[in-house]
């Protein structure tokens, strides 16, 4: 799940990133990894909701596109099915989701 809320007062978009309980398949931890955090695998952890879904809201600069992926329990990568597009990653054998603001 991706929701975009553009702020009128700043060149910023509040982006909600989320995965459903079904998508994470019993995971205990989900991290959002992408260009906005230097591809740091532990910096941006999603909050686990009572429903079992995971969510986080990030303020991102508008007028840009960002590549990203989710890291599930530190060992499984997942793309968001609602990404605006996909592009090959640096290793060439994976696809990164892209969000355009």
C-alpha atoms as a PDB file:
ATOM      1  CA  UNK A   1       0.000   0.000   0.000  1.00  0.00           C
ATOM      2  CA  UNK A   2       1.229   3.456  -0.897  1.00  0.00           C
ATOM      3  CA  UNK A   3      -0.571   6.721  -0.109  1.00  0.00           C
ATOM      4  CA  UNK A   4       0.707  10.157  -1.132  1.00  0.00           C
ATOM      5  CA  UNK A   5      -0.266  13.413   0.567  1.00  0.00           C
ATOM      6  CA  UNK A   6       1.350  16.506  -0.954  1.00  0.00           C
ATOM      7  CA  UNK A   7       1.805  19.381   1.483  1.00  0.00           C
ATOM      8  CA  UNK A   8       0.807  22.816   0.186  1.00  0.00           C
ATOM      9  CA  UNK A   9       3.180  24.715   2.491  1.00  0.00           C
ATOM     10  CA  UNK A  10       6.383  22.804   1.585  1.00  0.00           C
ATOM     11  CA  UNK A  11       7.836  20.904  -1.394  1.00  0.00           C
ATOM     12  CA  UNK A  12       7.229  17.685   0.550  1.00  0.00           C
ATOM     13  CA  UNK A  13       4.948  14.708   0.140  1.00  0.00           C
ATOM     14  CA  UNK A  14       3.979  12.580   3.131  1.00  0.00           C
ATOM     15  CA  UNK A  15       4.160   9.045   1.803  1.00  0.00           C
ATOM     16  CA  UNK A  16       2.609   6.142   3.676  1.00  0.00           C
ATOM     17  CA  UNK A  17       4.287   2.834   2.892  1.00  0.00           C
ATOM     18  CA  UNK A  18       2.614  -0.324   4.076  1.00  0.00           C
ATOM     19  CA  UNK A  19       2.277  -4.055   3.707  1.00  0.00           C
ATOM     20  CA  UNK A  20      -0.648  -6.196   4.749  1.00  0.00           C
ATOM     21  CA  UNK A  21      -0.433  -9.092   7.180  1.00  0.00           C
ATOM     22  CA  UNK A  22      -0.975 -11.435   4.234  1.00  0.00           C
ATOM     23  CA  UNK A  23       1.896  -9.884   2.216  1.00  0.00           C
ATOM     24  CA  UNK A  24       4.413 -10.234   5.061  1.00  0.00           C
ATOM     25  CA  UNK A  25       3.327 -13.824   5.808  1.00  0.00           C
ATOM     26  CA  UNK A  26       3.887 -13.839   9.578  1.00  0.00           C
ATOM     27  CA  UNK A  27       6.918 -11.555   9.634  1.00  0.00           C
ATOM     28  CA  UNK A  28       7.985  -9.951  12.890  1.00  0.00           C
ATOM     29  CA  UNK A  29       9.980  -7.075  11.359  1.00  0.00           C
ATOM     30  CA  UNK A  30       9.814  -5.058   8.123  1.00  0.00           C
ATOM     31  CA  UNK A  31      12.300  -2.399   7.029  1.00  0.00           C
ATOM     32  CA  UNK A  32      11.903   0.080   4.184  1.00  0.00           C
ATOM     33  CA  UNK A  33      15.162   0.326   2.253  1.00  0.00           C
ATOM     34  CA  UNK A  34      15.777   2.814  -0.545  1.00  0.00           C
ATOM     35  CA  UNK A  35      17.490   5.826  -2.003  1.00  0.00           C
ATOM     36  CA  UNK A  36      15.947   8.109   0.638  1.00  0.00           C
ATOM     37  CA  UNK A  37      17.906   6.365   3.443  1.00  0.00           C
ATOM     38  CA  UNK A  38      21.092   5.420   1.577  1.00  0.00           C
ATOM     39  CA  UNK A  39      19.898   1.799   1.192  1.00  0.00           C
ATOM     40  CA  UNK A  40      20.382   1.308   4.940  1.00  0.00           C
ATOM     41  CA  UNK A  41      18.790  -2.036   5.785  1.00  0.00           C
ATOM     42  CA  UNK A  42      18.085  -1.231   9.455  1.00  0.00           C
ATOM     43  CA  UNK A  43      17.369   2.510   9.591  1.00  0.00           C
ATOM     44  CA  UNK A  44      13.699   2.712   8.555  1.00  0.00           C
ATOM     45  CA  UNK A  45      11.573   0.138  10.373  1.00  0.00           C
ATOM     46  CA  UNK A  46       7.833  -0.045   9.783  1.00  0.00           C
ATOM     47  CA  UNK A  47       5.460  -0.145  12.745  1.00  0.00           C
ATOM     48  CA  UNK A  48       3.504  -3.347  13.256  1.00  0.00           C
ATOM     49  CA  UNK A  49      -0.182  -2.552  13.713  1.00  0.00           C
ATOM     50  CA  UNK A  50      -2.626  -4.561  15.863  1.00  0.00           C
ATOM     51  CA  UNK A  51      -4.092  -5.956  12.635  1.00  0.00           C
ATOM     52  CA  UNK A  52      -0.714  -7.464  11.716  1.00  0.00           C
ATOM     53  CA  UNK A  53      -0.171  -4.934   8.907  1.00  0.00           C
ATOM     54  CA  UNK A  54       3.018  -2.832   8.814  1.00  0.00           C
ATOM     55  CA  UNK A  55       3.113   0.926   8.074  1.00  0.00           C
ATOM     56  CA  UNK A  56       5.375   3.968   8.098  1.00  0.00           C
ATOM     57  CA  UNK A  57       4.962   7.588   6.960  1.00  0.00           C
ATOM     58  CA  UNK A  58       7.946   9.414   5.463  1.00  0.00           C
ATOM     59  CA  UNK A  59       8.224  13.039   4.328  1.00  0.00           C
ATOM     60  CA  UNK A  60       9.897  12.937   0.888  1.00  0.00           C
ATOM     61  CA  UNK A  61      10.860  15.797  -1.405  1.00  0.00           C
ATOM     62  CA  UNK A  62       8.501  16.305  -4.337  1.00  0.00           C
ATOM     63  CA  UNK A  63       9.666  16.429  -7.948  1.00  0.00           C
ATOM     64  CA  UNK A  64      11.807  13.326  -7.496  1.00  0.00           C
ATOM     65  CA  UNK A  65      11.591   9.567  -7.982  1.00  0.00           C
ATOM     66  CA  UNK A  66      12.930   7.142  -5.392  1.00  0.00           C
ATOM     67  CA  UNK A  67      13.839   3.472  -5.702  1.00  0.00           C
ATOM     68  CA  UNK A  68      12.920   1.254  -2.748  1.00  0.00           C
ATOM     69  CA  UNK A  69      12.199  -2.275  -1.496  1.00  0.00           C
ATOM     70  CA  UNK A  70      11.005  -3.897   1.720  1.00  0.00           C
ATOM     71  CA  UNK A  71      13.258  -6.197   3.755  1.00  0.00           C
ATOM     72  CA  UNK A  72      11.237  -8.797   5.640  1.00  0.00           C
ATOM     73  CA  UNK A  73      12.807 -10.216   8.841  1.00  0.00           C
ATOM     74  CA  UNK A  74      16.277  -9.278   7.552  1.00  0.00           C
ATOM     75  CA  UNK A  75      16.381 -12.006   4.918  1.00  0.00           C
ATOM     76  CA  UNK A  76      13.597 -11.683   2.329  1.00  0.00           C
ATOM     77  CA  UNK A  77      13.100  -8.857  -0.161  1.00  0.00           C
ATOM     78  CA  UNK A  78       9.681  -7.748  -1.362  1.00  0.00           C
ATOM     79  CA  UNK A  79       8.475  -5.074  -3.776  1.00  0.00           C
ATOM     80  CA  UNK A  80       5.344  -3.031  -3.229  1.00  0.00           C
ATOM     81  CA  UNK A  81       2.670  -4.078  -5.740  1.00  0.00           C
ATOM     82  CA  UNK A  82       1.487  -0.437  -5.804  1.00  0.00           C
ATOM     83  CA  UNK A  83       4.854   1.056  -6.826  1.00  0.00           C
ATOM     84  CA  UNK A  84       4.589   3.540  -9.709  1.00  0.00           C
ATOM     85  CA  UNK A  85       7.079   1.466 -11.716  1.00  0.00           C
ATOM     86  CA  UNK A  86       9.990  -0.955 -11.364  1.00  0.00           C
ATOM     87  CA  UNK A  87      13.621  -0.712 -12.444  1.00  0.00           C
ATOM     88  CA  UNK A  88      16.564  -3.136 -12.366  1.00  0.00           C
ATOM     89  CA  UNK A  89      18.643  -2.850  -9.197  1.00  0.00           C
ATOM     90  CA  UNK A  90      22.414  -2.467  -9.010  1.00  0.00           C
ATOM     91  CA  UNK A  91      23.008  -6.212  -8.924  1.00  0.00           C
ATOM     92  CA  UNK A  92      20.950  -6.649 -12.083  1.00  0.00           C
ATOM     93  CA  UNK A  93      19.108  -9.730 -10.851  1.00  0.00           C
ATOM     94  CA  UNK A  94      16.411  -7.901  -8.858  1.00  0.00           C
ATOM     95  CA  UNK A  95      13.848  -5.195  -9.477  1.00  0.00           C
ATOM     96  CA  UNK A  96      13.402  -2.150  -7.271  1.00  0.00           C
ATOM     97  CA  UNK A  97      10.077  -0.413  -6.868  1.00  0.00           C
ATOM     98  CA  UNK A  98       9.968   3.247  -7.870  1.00  0.00           C
ATOM     99  CA  UNK A  99       7.785   5.961  -6.350  1.00  0.00           C
ATOM    100  CA  UNK A 100       7.391   9.217  -8.292  1.00  0.00           C
ATOM    101  CA  UNK A 101       6.449  12.369  -6.422  1.00  0.00           C
END
